[in-house]
C-alpha atoms as a PDB file:
ATOM      1  CA  MET A   1      47.980-186.060 -87.602  1.00  0.00           C
ATOM      2  CA  SER A   2      45.128-183.705 -86.241  1.00  0.00           C
ATOM      3  CA  VAL A   3      45.475-181.803 -83.113  1.00  0.00           C
ATOM      4  CA  LYS A   4      42.167-181.534 -81.184  1.00  0.00           C
ATOM      5  CA  ARG A   5      41.467-178.044 -79.890  1.00  0.00           C
ATOM      6  CA  ILE A   6      40.433-177.276 -76.502  1.00  0.00           C
ATOM      7  CA  ARG A   7      36.796-176.043 -76.527  1.00  0.00           C
ATOM      8  CA  PRO A   8      36.354-172.907 -74.147  1.00  0.00           C
ATOM      9  CA  SER A   9      34.166-174.948 -71.791  1.00  0.00           C
ATOM     10  CA  GLN A  10      36.835-177.321 -71.386  1.00  0.00           C
ATOM     11  CA  TRP A  11      39.153-174.640 -70.257  1.00  0.00           C
ATOM     12  CA  ILE A  12      36.683-173.539 -67.957  1.00  0.00           C
ATOM     13  CA  THR A  13      36.434-176.702 -66.546  1.00  0.00           C
ATOM     14  CA  ILE A  14      40.060-176.952 -66.333  1.00  0.00           C
ATOM     15  CA  LEU A  15      40.605-173.720 -64.580  1.00  0.00           C
ATOM     16  CA  PHE A  16      38.035-174.199 -62.029  1.00  0.00           C
ATOM     17  CA  GLY A  17      39.523-177.744 -61.154  1.00  0.00           C
ATOM     18  CA  LEU A  18      42.927-175.840 -60.588  1.00  0.00           C
ATOM     19  CA  LEU A  19      41.161-173.350 -58.655  1.00  0.00           C
ATOM     20  CA  LEU A  20      39.479-175.915 -56.246  1.00  0.00           C
ATOM     21  CA  ILE A  21      42.651-177.770 -56.199  1.00  0.00           C
ATOM     22  CA  TYR A  22      44.611-174.694 -55.028  1.00  0.00           C
ATOM     23  CA  SER A  23      42.039-173.022 -52.682  1.00  0.00           C
ATOM     24  CA  GLY A  24      41.238-176.497 -50.977  1.00  0.00           C
ATOM     25  CA  PHE A  25      44.793-178.221 -50.800  1.00  0.00           C
ATOM     26  CA  ILE A  26      47.512-175.593 -51.165  1.00  0.00           C
ATOM     27  CA  GLU A  27      46.500-172.066 -49.720  1.00  0.00           C
ATOM     28  CA  PRO A  28      44.549-173.510 -46.462  1.00  0.00           C
ATOM     29  CA  TYR A  29      47.807-174.990 -45.359  1.00  0.00           C
ATOM     30  CA  TRP A  30      50.483-172.075 -46.580  1.00  0.00           C
ATOM     31  CA  VAL A  31      50.850-170.381 -43.312  1.00  0.00           C
ATOM     32  CA  ARG A  32      52.760-167.256 -43.588  1.00  0.00           C
ATOM     33  CA  VAL A  33      54.258-165.235 -40.955  1.00  0.00           C
ATOM     34  CA  ARG A  34      52.709-161.512 -41.300  1.00  0.00           C
ATOM     35  CA  GLU A  35      54.663-158.619 -39.581  1.00  0.00           C
ATOM     36  CA  ILE A  36      52.772-155.798 -37.915  1.00  0.00           C
ATOM     37  CA  GLU A  37      54.713-152.527 -36.977  1.00  0.00           C
ATOM     38  CA  ILE A  38      52.773-150.704 -33.822  1.00  0.00           C
ATOM     39  CA  SER A  39      54.232-147.220 -33.822  1.00  0.00           C
ATOM     40  CA  ASP A  40      52.277-145.842 -30.660  1.00  0.00           C
ATOM     41  CA  GLU A  41      53.441-145.969 -27.160  1.00  0.00           C
ATOM     42  CA  PRO A  42      53.639-147.673 -24.942  1.00  0.00           C
ATOM     43  CA  PHE A  43      52.777-150.616 -27.278  1.00  0.00           C
ATOM     44  CA  ALA A  44      55.777-150.121 -29.776  1.00  0.00           C
ATOM     45  CA  SER A  45      58.076-150.231 -26.500  1.00  0.00           C
ATOM     46  CA  PHE A  46      56.341-153.548 -25.179  1.00  0.00           C
ATOM     47  CA  PHE A  47      56.686-155.277 -28.419  1.00  0.00           C
ATOM     48  CA  ARG A  48      60.474-154.195 -28.923  1.00  0.00           C
ATOM     49  CA  ALA A  49      61.119-155.740 -25.329  1.00  0.00           C
ATOM     50  CA  HIS A  50      58.940-158.720 -25.994  1.00  0.00           C
ATOM     51  CA  LYS A  51      58.734-160.615 -29.181  1.00  0.00           C
ATOM     52  CA  THR A  52      54.936-161.621 -29.219  1.00  0.00           C
ATOM     53  CA  ILE A  53      52.713-163.357 -31.906  1.00  0.00           C
ATOM     54  CA  PHE A  54      49.358-163.578 -32.138  1.00  0.00           C
ATOM     55  CA  LEU A  55      47.092-166.690 -33.619  1.00  0.00           C
ATOM     56  CA  SER A  56      43.525-166.871 -33.991  1.00  0.00           C
ATOM     57  CA  ASP A  57      40.909-169.048 -35.510  1.00  0.00           C
ATOM     58  CA  ILE A  58      43.175-172.179 -35.518  1.00  0.00           C
ATOM     59  CA  HIS A  59      39.990-174.237 -35.483  1.00  0.00           C
ATOM     60  CA  VAL A  60      42.138-177.729 -34.692  1.00  0.00           C
ATOM     61  CA  THR A  61      40.491-180.816 -36.198  1.00  0.00           C
ATOM     62  CA  LYS A  62      43.427-183.003 -35.557  1.00  0.00           C
ATOM     63  CA  SER A  63      47.207-183.386 -35.330  1.00  0.00           C
ATOM     64  CA  GLY A  64      47.251-182.626 -39.047  1.00  0.00           C
ATOM     65  CA  ILE A  65      49.428-180.871 -41.651  1.00  0.00           C
ATOM     66  CA  ARG A  66      48.388-177.583 -41.014  1.00  0.00           C
ATOM     67  CA  GLU A  67      48.466-177.713 -37.265  1.00  0.00           C
ATOM     68  CA  ASN A  68      52.194-179.482 -37.460  1.00  0.00           C
ATOM     69  CA  PHE A  69      53.311-176.686 -39.985  1.00  0.00           C
ATOM     70  CA  LEU A  70      51.893-173.849 -37.636  1.00  0.00           C
ATOM     71  CA  LEU A  71      53.846-175.309 -34.693  1.00  0.00           C
ATOM     72  CA  GLU A  72      56.890-175.432 -36.778  1.00  0.00           C
ATOM     73  CA  LYS A  73      56.337-171.662 -37.602  1.00  0.00           C
ATOM     74  CA  VAL A  74      55.761-170.923 -34.087  1.00  0.00           C
ATOM     75  CA  THR A  75      59.038-172.683 -32.699  1.00  0.00           C
ATOM     76  CA  GLN A  76      61.134-171.011 -35.373  1.00  0.00           C
ATOM     77  CA  LEU A  77      59.878-167.441 -34.198  1.00  0.00           C
ATOM     78  CA  SER A  78      60.750-168.401 -30.834  1.00  0.00           C
ATOM     79  CA  ALA A  79      58.310-165.781 -29.339  1.00  0.00           C
ATOM     80  CA  GLU A  80      58.372-164.831 -25.904  1.00  0.00           C
ATOM     81  CA  ILE A  81      54.770-164.082 -25.603  1.00  0.00           C
ATOM     82  CA  ILE A  82      52.002-165.723 -27.471  1.00  0.00           C
ATOM     83  CA  LEU A  83      48.393-164.482 -27.590  1.00  0.00           C
ATOM     84  CA  LEU A  84      45.396-166.407 -28.645  1.00  0.00           C
ATOM     85  CA  GLY A  85      42.169-164.701 -30.080  1.00  0.00           C
ATOM     86  CA  GLY A  86      39.813-167.783 -29.782  1.00  0.00           C
ATOM     87  CA  ASP A  87      37.929-170.477 -31.915  1.00  0.00           C
ATOM     88  CA  LEU A  88      40.807-173.130 -31.166  1.00  0.00           C
ATOM     89  CA  VAL A  89      37.956-175.921 -31.709  1.00  0.00           C
ATOM     90  CA  ALA A  90      36.700-176.559 -34.907  1.00  0.00           C
ATOM     91  CA  TRP A  91      32.883-176.759 -35.562  1.00  0.00           C
ATOM     92  CA  ASN A  92      31.577-180.183 -34.700  1.00  0.00           C
ATOM     93  CA  GLY A  93      35.312-180.780 -33.607  1.00  0.00           C
ATOM     94  CA  ASN A  94      37.411-182.383 -31.090  1.00  0.00           C
ATOM     95  CA  TYR A  95      38.046-180.832 -28.004  1.00  0.00           C
ATOM     96  CA  GLN A  96      41.005-183.476 -27.299  1.00  0.00           C
ATOM     97  CA  ALA A  97      42.922-182.362 -30.392  1.00  0.00           C
ATOM     98  CA  ALA A  98      42.671-178.485 -29.384  1.00  0.00           C
ATOM     99  CA  PHE A  99      43.892-179.408 -25.974  1.00  0.00           C
ATOM    100  CA  GLU A 100      46.839-181.583 -27.427  1.00  0.00           C
ATOM    101  CA  PHE A 101      47.757-178.744 -29.481  1.00  0.00           C
ATOM    102  CA  LEU A 102      47.650-176.137 -26.820  1.00  0.00           C
ATOM    103  CA  GLY A 103      49.809-178.425 -24.866  1.00  0.00           C
ATOM    104  CA  LYS A 104      52.677-177.884 -27.333  1.00  0.00           C
ATOM    105  CA  LEU A 105      52.093-174.348 -27.345  1.00  0.00           C
ATOM    106  CA  LYS A 106      55.465-172.988 -25.181  1.00  0.00           C
ATOM    107  CA  ALA A 107      56.445-169.629 -24.501  1.00  0.00           C
ATOM    108  CA  PRO A 108      58.766-168.283 -21.692  1.00  0.00           C
ATOM    109  CA  GLY A 109      56.533-165.280 -21.058  1.00  0.00           C
ATOM    110  CA  GLY A 110      53.361-166.778 -21.199  1.00  0.00           C
ATOM    111  CA  VAL A 111      50.624-167.952 -23.354  1.00  0.00           C
ATOM    112  CA  TYR A 112      47.363-165.746 -22.905  1.00  0.00           C
ATOM    113  CA  GLY A 113      44.143-166.035 -24.699  1.00  0.00           C
ATOM    114  CA  VAL A 114      40.365-165.949 -24.885  1.00  0.00           C
ATOM    115  CA  LEU A 115      37.455-168.194 -25.999  1.00  0.00           C
ATOM    116  CA  GLY A 116      35.467-167.744 -29.422  1.00  0.00           C
ATOM    117  CA  GLU A 117      32.073-169.247 -30.325  1.00  0.00           C
ATOM    118  CA  SER A 118      33.358-172.754 -31.642  1.00  0.00           C
ATOM    119  CA  ASP A 119      35.037-173.106 -28.297  1.00  0.00           C
ATOM    120  CA  PHE A 120      31.661-172.931 -26.400  1.00  0.00           C
ATOM    121  CA  GLN A 121      29.794-175.555 -28.376  1.00  0.00           C
ATOM    122  CA  ASP A 122      30.168-177.991 -25.555  1.00  0.00           C
ATOM    123  CA  ASN A 123      29.571-175.855 -22.314  1.00  0.00           C
ATOM    124  CA  ARG A 124      31.024-178.488 -20.203  1.00  0.00           C
ATOM    125  CA  LYS A 125      34.020-179.246 -22.130  1.00  0.00           C
ATOM    126  CA  SER A 126      34.852-175.655 -22.632  1.00  0.00           C
ATOM    127  CA  CYS A 127      35.265-175.241 -19.027  1.00  0.00           C
ATOM    128  CA  ASN A 128      38.467-177.196 -19.306  1.00  0.00           C
ATOM    129  CA  PHE A 129      40.037-174.111 -20.988  1.00  0.00           C
ATOM    130  CA  CYS A 130      39.936-172.059 -18.018  1.00  0.00           C
ATOM    131  CA  HIS A 131      39.294-174.731 -14.942  1.00  0.00           C
ATOM    132  CA  PRO A 132      40.695-178.005 -16.091  1.00  0.00           C
ATOM    133  CA  PHE A 133      38.936-180.766 -14.224  1.00  0.00           C
ATOM    134  CA  ASP A 134      39.038-183.501 -16.923  1.00  0.00           C
ATOM    135  CA  LYS A 135      42.455-185.212 -15.997  1.00  0.00           C
ATOM    136  CA  SER A 136      42.264-187.449 -19.210  1.00  0.00           C
ATOM    137  CA  LEU A 137      42.781-184.052 -21.362  1.00  0.00           C
ATOM    138  CA  THR A 138      46.325-183.128 -22.449  1.00  0.00           C
ATOM    139  CA  PRO A 139      47.528-180.429 -19.731  1.00  0.00           C
ATOM    140  CA  PHE A 140      48.563-177.198 -21.154  1.00  0.00           C
ATOM    141  CA  SER A 141      50.088-174.026 -19.679  1.00  0.00           C
ATOM    142  CA  ALA A 142      47.914-171.232 -21.551  1.00  0.00           C
ATOM    143  CA  LYS A 143      46.145-168.917 -19.499  1.00  0.00           C
ATOM    144  CA  PHE A 144      42.641-168.048 -20.669  1.00  0.00           C
ATOM    145  CA  LEU A 145      41.695-164.619 -19.374  1.00  0.00           C
ATOM    146  CA  GLN A 146      37.603-164.032 -18.586  1.00  0.00           C
ATOM    147  CA  ASN A 147      37.169-160.346 -18.361  1.00  0.00           C
ATOM    148  CA  LYS A 148      40.564-159.839 -16.461  1.00  0.00           C
ATOM    149  CA  ALA A 149      44.089-158.430 -17.132  1.00  0.00           C
ATOM    150  CA  VAL A 150      47.623-159.922 -16.554  1.00  0.00           C
ATOM    151  CA  TYR A 151      50.523-157.620 -16.224  1.00  0.00           C
ATOM    152  CA  HIS A 152      53.868-158.735 -17.747  1.00  0.00           C
ATOM    153  CA  SER A 153      55.547-156.108 -15.556  1.00  0.00           C
ATOM    154  CA  PRO A 154      54.034-153.353 -13.276  1.00  0.00           C
ATOM    155  CA  ASN A 155      54.817-150.234 -15.822  1.00  0.00           C
ATOM    156  CA  GLU A 156      53.818-151.891 -19.196  1.00  0.00           C
ATOM    157  CA  PRO A 157      50.376-152.190 -20.555  1.00  0.00           C
ATOM    158  CA  ALA A 158      48.115-154.961 -19.170  1.00  0.00           C
ATOM    159  CA  ILE A 159      46.884-157.713 -21.259  1.00  0.00           C
ATOM    160  CA  PHE A 160      43.056-157.747 -20.876  1.00  0.00           C
ATOM    161  CA  GLY A 161      40.959-160.709 -22.302  1.00  0.00           C
ATOM    162  CA  VAL A 162      37.292-160.346 -23.084  1.00  0.00           C
ATOM    163  CA  ASP A 163      35.147-163.616 -22.102  1.00  0.00           C
ATOM    164  CA  PHE A 164      33.014-164.288 -25.094  1.00  0.00           C
ATOM    165  CA  GLY A 165      29.777-165.343 -23.277  1.00  0.00           C
ATOM    166  CA  SER A 166      29.757-162.026 -21.338  1.00  0.00           C
ATOM    167  CA  LEU A 167      29.248-160.265 -24.941  1.00  0.00           C
ATOM    168  CA  GLU A 168      25.721-161.241 -25.040  1.00  0.00           C
ATOM    169  CA  PRO A 169      23.561-158.089 -25.118  1.00  0.00           C
ATOM    170  CA  GLU A 170      22.195-158.660 -21.446  1.00  0.00           C
ATOM    171  CA  LEU A 171      25.556-159.727 -20.088  1.00  0.00           C
ATOM    172  CA  LYS A 172      27.748-156.831 -21.799  1.00  0.00           C
ATOM    173  CA  HIS A 173      28.058-155.040 -18.364  1.00  0.00           C
ATOM    174  CA  ARG A 174      30.315-157.964 -16.935  1.00  0.00           C
ATOM    175  CA  SER A 175      32.701-157.746 -19.798  1.00  0.00           C
ATOM    176  CA  GLY A 176      34.674-154.617 -18.103  1.00  0.00           C
ATOM    177  CA  LEU A 177      35.373-152.711 -21.180  1.00  0.00           C
ATOM    178  CA  SER A 178      33.720-149.670 -20.246  1.00  0.00           C
ATOM    179  CA  THR A 179      35.889-149.461 -17.169  1.00  0.00           C
ATOM    180  CA  ILE A 180      39.060-149.519 -19.117  1.00  0.00           C
ATOM    181  CA  LYS A 181      40.915-146.487 -18.238  1.00  0.00           C
ATOM    182  CA  GLU A 182      44.834-147.247 -19.040  1.00  0.00           C
ATOM    183  CA  PRO A 183      46.680-148.546 -21.842  1.00  0.00           C
ATOM    184  CA  ALA A 184      45.623-152.187 -22.357  1.00  0.00           C
ATOM    185  CA  ILE A 185      46.484-154.775 -25.108  1.00  0.00           C
ATOM    186  CA  ILE A 186      42.820-156.289 -25.411  1.00  0.00           C
ATOM    187  CA  LEU A 187      41.954-159.719 -26.832  1.00  0.00           C
ATOM    188  CA  CYS A 188      38.278-159.901 -27.939  1.00  0.00           C
ATOM    189  CA  HIS A 189      37.403-162.800 -30.413  1.00  0.00           C
ATOM    190  CA  LYS A 190      34.633-160.711 -32.206  1.00  0.00           C
ATOM    191  CA  LEU A 191      35.501-157.040 -32.880  1.00  0.00           C
ATOM    192  CA  ALA A 192      31.770-156.333 -33.807  1.00  0.00           C
ATOM    193  CA  ALA A 193      30.915-157.091 -30.185  1.00  0.00           C
ATOM    194  CA  CYS A 194      33.329-154.743 -28.582  1.00  0.00           C
ATOM    195  CA  ASN A 195      32.158-151.570 -29.348  1.00  0.00           C
ATOM    196  CA  GLU A 196      31.929-150.013 -25.923  1.00  0.00           C
ATOM    197  CA  ILE A 197      35.735-149.395 -25.251  1.00  0.00           C
ATOM    198  CA  PRO A 198      36.296-145.554 -24.165  1.00  0.00           C
ATOM    199  CA  ASP A 199      38.599-143.573 -26.250  1.00  0.00           C
ATOM    200  CA  VAL A 200      41.814-144.527 -24.376  1.00  0.00           C
ATOM    201  CA  SER A 201      44.744-146.127 -25.605  1.00  0.00           C
ATOM    202  CA  VAL A 202      44.338-149.677 -26.328  1.00  0.00           C
ATOM    203  CA  LEU A 203      45.393-152.033 -28.911  1.00  0.00           C
ATOM    204  CA  MET A 204      42.671-154.344 -29.647  1.00  0.00           C
ATOM    205  CA  LEU A 205      43.575-157.924 -31.191  1.00  0.00           C
ATOM    206  CA  SER A 206      40.394-159.774 -32.708  1.00  0.00           C
ATOM    207  CA  GLY A 207      39.783-162.768 -35.541  1.00  0.00           C
ATOM    208  CA  ASP A 208      36.544-164.518 -36.291  1.00  0.00           C
ATOM    209  CA  THR A 209      36.500-163.187 -39.723  1.00  0.00           C
ATOM    210  CA  HIS A 210      38.956-165.290 -41.324  1.00  0.00           C
ATOM    211  CA  GLY A 211      39.669-162.383 -43.710  1.00  0.00           C
ATOM    212  CA  GLY A 212      36.709-163.685 -45.651  1.00  0.00           C
ATOM    213  CA  GLN A 213      38.692-166.903 -46.605  1.00  0.00           C
ATOM    214  CA  PHE A 214      38.492-165.639 -50.221  1.00  0.00           C
ATOM    215  CA  TRP A 215      39.529-162.072 -51.298  1.00  0.00           C
ATOM    216  CA  MET A 216      36.686-159.408 -51.681  1.00  0.00           C
ATOM    217  CA  PRO A 217      36.677-155.590 -51.750  1.00  0.00           C
ATOM    218  CA  ASP A 218      36.341-154.156 -48.408  1.00  0.00           C
ATOM    219  CA  TRP A 219      33.135-152.379 -49.298  1.00  0.00           C
ATOM    220  CA  PHE A 220      31.507-155.536 -50.215  1.00  0.00           C
ATOM    221  CA  TRP A 221      32.703-157.083 -46.580  1.00  0.00           C
ATOM    222  CA  VAL A 222      31.092-154.078 -44.834  1.00  0.00           C
ATOM    223  CA  TRP A 223      27.935-154.319 -46.922  1.00  0.00           C
ATOM    224  CA  VAL A 224      27.443-158.097 -46.299  1.00  0.00           C
ATOM    225  CA  PHE A 225      29.299-158.955 -42.951  1.00  0.00           C
ATOM    226  CA  GLY A 226      29.925-155.324 -41.520  1.00  0.00           C
ATOM    227  CA  GLU A 227      27.090-155.708 -38.694  1.00  0.00           C
ATOM    228  CA  SER A 228      27.703-159.296 -37.700  1.00  0.00           C
ATOM    229  CA  LYS A 229      31.448-159.575 -37.917  1.00  0.00           C
ATOM    230  CA  GLY A 230      32.701-155.833 -37.780  1.00  0.00           C
ATOM    231  CA  SER A 231      33.797-153.255 -40.542  1.00  0.00           C
ATOM    232  CA  ILE A 232      37.352-154.562 -41.030  1.00  0.00           C
ATOM    233  CA  ARG A 233      37.979-157.849 -42.642  1.00  0.00           C
ATOM    234  CA  LYS A 234      41.495-158.254 -41.983  1.00  0.00           C
ATOM    235  CA  GLY A 235      44.476-155.477 -41.256  1.00  0.00           C
ATOM    236  CA  ILE A 236      44.780-152.563 -38.775  1.00  0.00           C
ATOM    237  CA  ARG A 237      42.861-149.448 -38.444  1.00  0.00           C
ATOM    238  CA  ARG A 238      43.050-146.714 -36.100  1.00  0.00           C
ATOM    239  CA  SER A 239      40.025-144.822 -34.358  1.00  0.00           C
ATOM    240  CA  GLY A 240      40.987-141.669 -32.204  1.00  0.00           C
ATOM    241  CA  ASN A 241      43.237-143.550 -29.355  1.00  0.00           C
ATOM    242  CA  LYS A 242      42.211-146.787 -30.250  1.00  0.00           C
ATOM    243  CA  THR A 243      43.865-149.306 -32.651  1.00  0.00           C
ATOM    244  CA  PHE A 244      42.428-152.205 -33.960  1.00  0.00           C
ATOM    245  CA  LEU A 245      43.946-155.272 -35.448  1.00  0.00           C
ATOM    246  CA  VAL A 246      42.126-158.110 -37.208  1.00  0.00           C
ATOM    247  CA  THR A 247      43.951-161.274 -38.388  1.00  0.00           C
ATOM    248  CA  SER A 248      42.622-163.648 -41.207  1.00  0.00           C
ATOM    249  CA  GLY A 249      43.429-166.542 -38.736  1.00  0.00           C
ATOM    250  CA  ILE A 250      44.651-170.084 -39.362  1.00  0.00           C
ATOM    251  CA  GLY A 251      41.558-172.427 -40.068  1.00  0.00           C
ATOM    252  CA  THR A 252      38.447-172.360 -42.118  1.00  0.00           C
ATOM    253  CA  SER A 253      34.862-172.996 -41.133  1.00  0.00           C
ATOM    254  CA  HIS A 254      31.742-173.836 -43.408  1.00  0.00           C
ATOM    255  CA  PHE A 255      33.864-174.389 -46.476  1.00  0.00           C
ATOM    256  CA  PRO A 256      37.526-175.904 -46.095  1.00  0.00           C
ATOM    257  CA  PHE A 257      38.684-173.498 -48.808  1.00  0.00           C
ATOM    258  CA  ARG A 258      40.824-170.065 -48.891  1.00  0.00           C
ATOM    259  CA  PHE A 259      41.821-167.992 -52.126  1.00  0.00           C
ATOM    260  CA  LEU A 260      44.086-165.032 -51.857  1.00  0.00           C
ATOM    261  CA  CYS A 261      43.490-164.878 -48.219  1.00  0.00           C
ATOM    262  CA  PRO A 262      46.172-167.146 -46.639  1.00  0.00           C
ATOM    263  CA  PRO A 263      46.405-168.193 -42.804  1.00  0.00           C
ATOM    264  CA  GLU A 264      48.892-166.228 -41.171  1.00  0.00           C
ATOM    265  CA  VAL A 265      50.529-165.879 -37.959  1.00  0.00           C
ATOM    266  CA  VAL A 266      50.867-162.211 -36.985  1.00  0.00           C
ATOM    267  CA  LEU A 267      54.318-161.108 -35.531  1.00  0.00           C
ATOM    268  CA  LEU A 268      53.797-157.880 -33.524  1.00  0.00           C
ATOM    269  CA  LYS A 269      57.027-155.554 -33.506  1.00  0.00           C
ATOM    270  CA  GLY A 270      57.627-152.030 -31.979  1.00  0.00           C
ATOM    271  CA  LYS A 271      58.482-149.398 -34.678  1.00  0.00           C
END
């Protein structure tokens, strides 16, 4: 009995098929918790006192496997504060599904967020994030910050949210970024659009990049996407007194695949 040898082209087909299965049906749902330690004060003290998680680019399509697994992770972490980096709605997606997801996010210290491009697809429906008027939508407790700050307590850093709509070139003067003079945790969906912050003590939390969804060298990211998305694909970087943190986020856009760039919940810890 002879055994048929598999040709190289067949091996390539098999490996490509396995890659598609992994990147399309396994990694996009494999939500991990990524711990980031912050050593700069007063942020380190803030995160030691308040367990905080950061989520971005969830792109909710429905109450599905990924969304339920994410909610399970968030519940297990029992965070005091939840911060949201925008793009809650999937492109051409369902706003109701996003509001239902928000209705399940609970944190005793508050849920604070900003909006991203996909959240503004429908200008009328997007208004419900900040000023709910459609009574048929699921109620939620999250507060969306439009160029304003909230204080968890008087002696702690402000949490400042940048309204994505104000980042258009002709409206940038409305963002308030250039007026920040004190330590602040800044939520800004797109890092590339928030380059006017003075060199003061700030921690900026951003998303938008999805980490590229596929692994790539940082130089390639900067070459292809640096101008539109910012120079950081994912991770943390210091520039003067400013610290920038970009998460790879949760969902996907354009192509429903991830490879060596899993979705993540960022747990912020004081060092």
